[in-house]
Amino acid sequence: MLKIVPDPPHYPNQSLEDLLVQTSEYLVRAQTIARQSVLLHPKAPDQVLTLATLHEIEHAWALVEVALSKVQSRH
């Protein structure tokens, strides 16, 4: 049987700062995809879940940025 979803990557040697930067980059890409989806589906019923997802992505990204600034201020 073929595996549809690959195993998540394991990063044992990366610093917390590197992991936060990479997570921030993933969130920016997810945010871009969600915004594009809103543009492709302009009717309100089709946008509800995408807008909710976009809202959560933006808050997660903000938290990562705060955590990253705290890690960087310690160095």
Protein backbone atom coordinates (compact mmCIF):
# COMPACT_ATOMS: atom_id res chain seq x y z
CA MET A 1 0.00 0.00 0.00
CA LEU A 2 1.36 3.41 -0.95
CA LYS A 3 1.75 5.99 1.75
CA ILE A 4 -0.09 9.17 0.78
CA VAL A 5 1.29 11.46 3.48
CA PRO A 6 5.03 11.32 4.19
CA ASP A 7 6.40 11.19 7.70
CA PRO A 8 7.11 14.62 9.14
CA PRO A 9 10.77 15.58 8.96
CA HIS A 10 12.83 15.19 12.10
CA TYR A 11 15.28 17.96 12.93
CA PRO A 12 17.42 16.80 15.86
CA ASN A 13 20.36 19.14 15.26
CA GLN A 14 18.52 22.41 14.60
CA SER A 15 18.44 25.17 17.17
CA LEU A 16 15.18 26.52 18.57
CA GLU A 17 15.78 29.73 16.63
CA ASP A 18 16.17 27.82 13.34
CA LEU A 19 13.00 25.83 14.02
CA LEU A 20 11.04 29.02 14.75
CA VAL A 21 12.32 30.66 11.56
CA GLN A 22 11.35 27.62 9.52
CA THR A 23 7.93 27.46 11.19
CA SER A 24 7.41 31.14 10.43
CA GLU A 25 8.23 30.49 6.77
CA TYR A 26 5.70 27.64 6.61
CA LEU A 27 3.06 29.88 8.16
CA VAL A 28 3.73 32.63 5.62
CA ARG A 29 3.26 30.11 2.81
CA ALA A 30 0.05 28.79 4.39
CA GLN A 31 -1.19 32.36 4.75
CA THR A 32 -0.51 33.01 1.06
CA ILE A 33 -2.41 29.87 0.06
CA ALA A 34 -5.38 30.82 2.25
CA ARG A 35 -5.48 34.34 0.81
CA GLN A 36 -5.39 32.95 -2.72
CA SER A 37 -8.26 30.62 -1.84
CA VAL A 38 -10.33 33.60 -0.63
CA LEU A 39 -9.71 35.34 -3.96
CA LEU A 40 -10.70 32.23 -5.92
CA HIS A 41 -13.95 31.77 -3.97
CA PRO A 42 -15.46 35.26 -3.64
CA LYS A 43 -18.88 34.14 -2.37
CA ALA A 44 -19.33 34.42 1.38
CA PRO A 45 -20.39 30.81 2.14
CA ASP A 46 -17.28 29.47 0.42
CA GLN A 47 -14.98 31.80 2.33
CA VAL A 48 -16.03 31.17 5.92
CA LEU A 49 -13.66 28.29 6.70
CA THR A 50 -10.81 29.79 4.70
CA LEU A 51 -11.13 33.12 6.49
CA ALA A 52 -11.21 31.33 9.85
CA THR A 53 -8.11 29.39 8.85
CA LEU A 54 -6.40 32.59 7.74
CA HIS A 55 -7.23 34.19 11.09
CA GLU A 56 -5.68 31.27 13.00
CA ILE A 57 -2.59 31.24 10.76
CA GLU A 58 -2.05 34.96 11.38
CA HIS A 59 -2.27 34.49 15.16
CA ALA A 60 0.08 31.48 15.08
CA TRP A 61 2.54 33.45 12.96
CA ALA A 62 2.41 36.35 15.44
CA LEU A 63 3.16 33.97 18.32
CA VAL A 64 6.11 32.47 16.44
CA GLU A 65 7.47 35.96 15.77
CA VAL A 66 7.20 36.86 19.47
CA ALA A 67 8.95 33.61 20.45
CA LEU A 68 11.65 34.22 17.85
CA SER A 69 12.28 37.74 19.14
CA LYS A 70 12.64 36.36 22.68
CA VAL A 71 15.13 33.72 21.53
CA GLN A 72 17.13 36.30 19.57
CA SER A 73 17.19 38.76 22.49
CA ARG A 74 18.84 36.11 24.67
CA HIS A 75 21.87 35.88 22.36
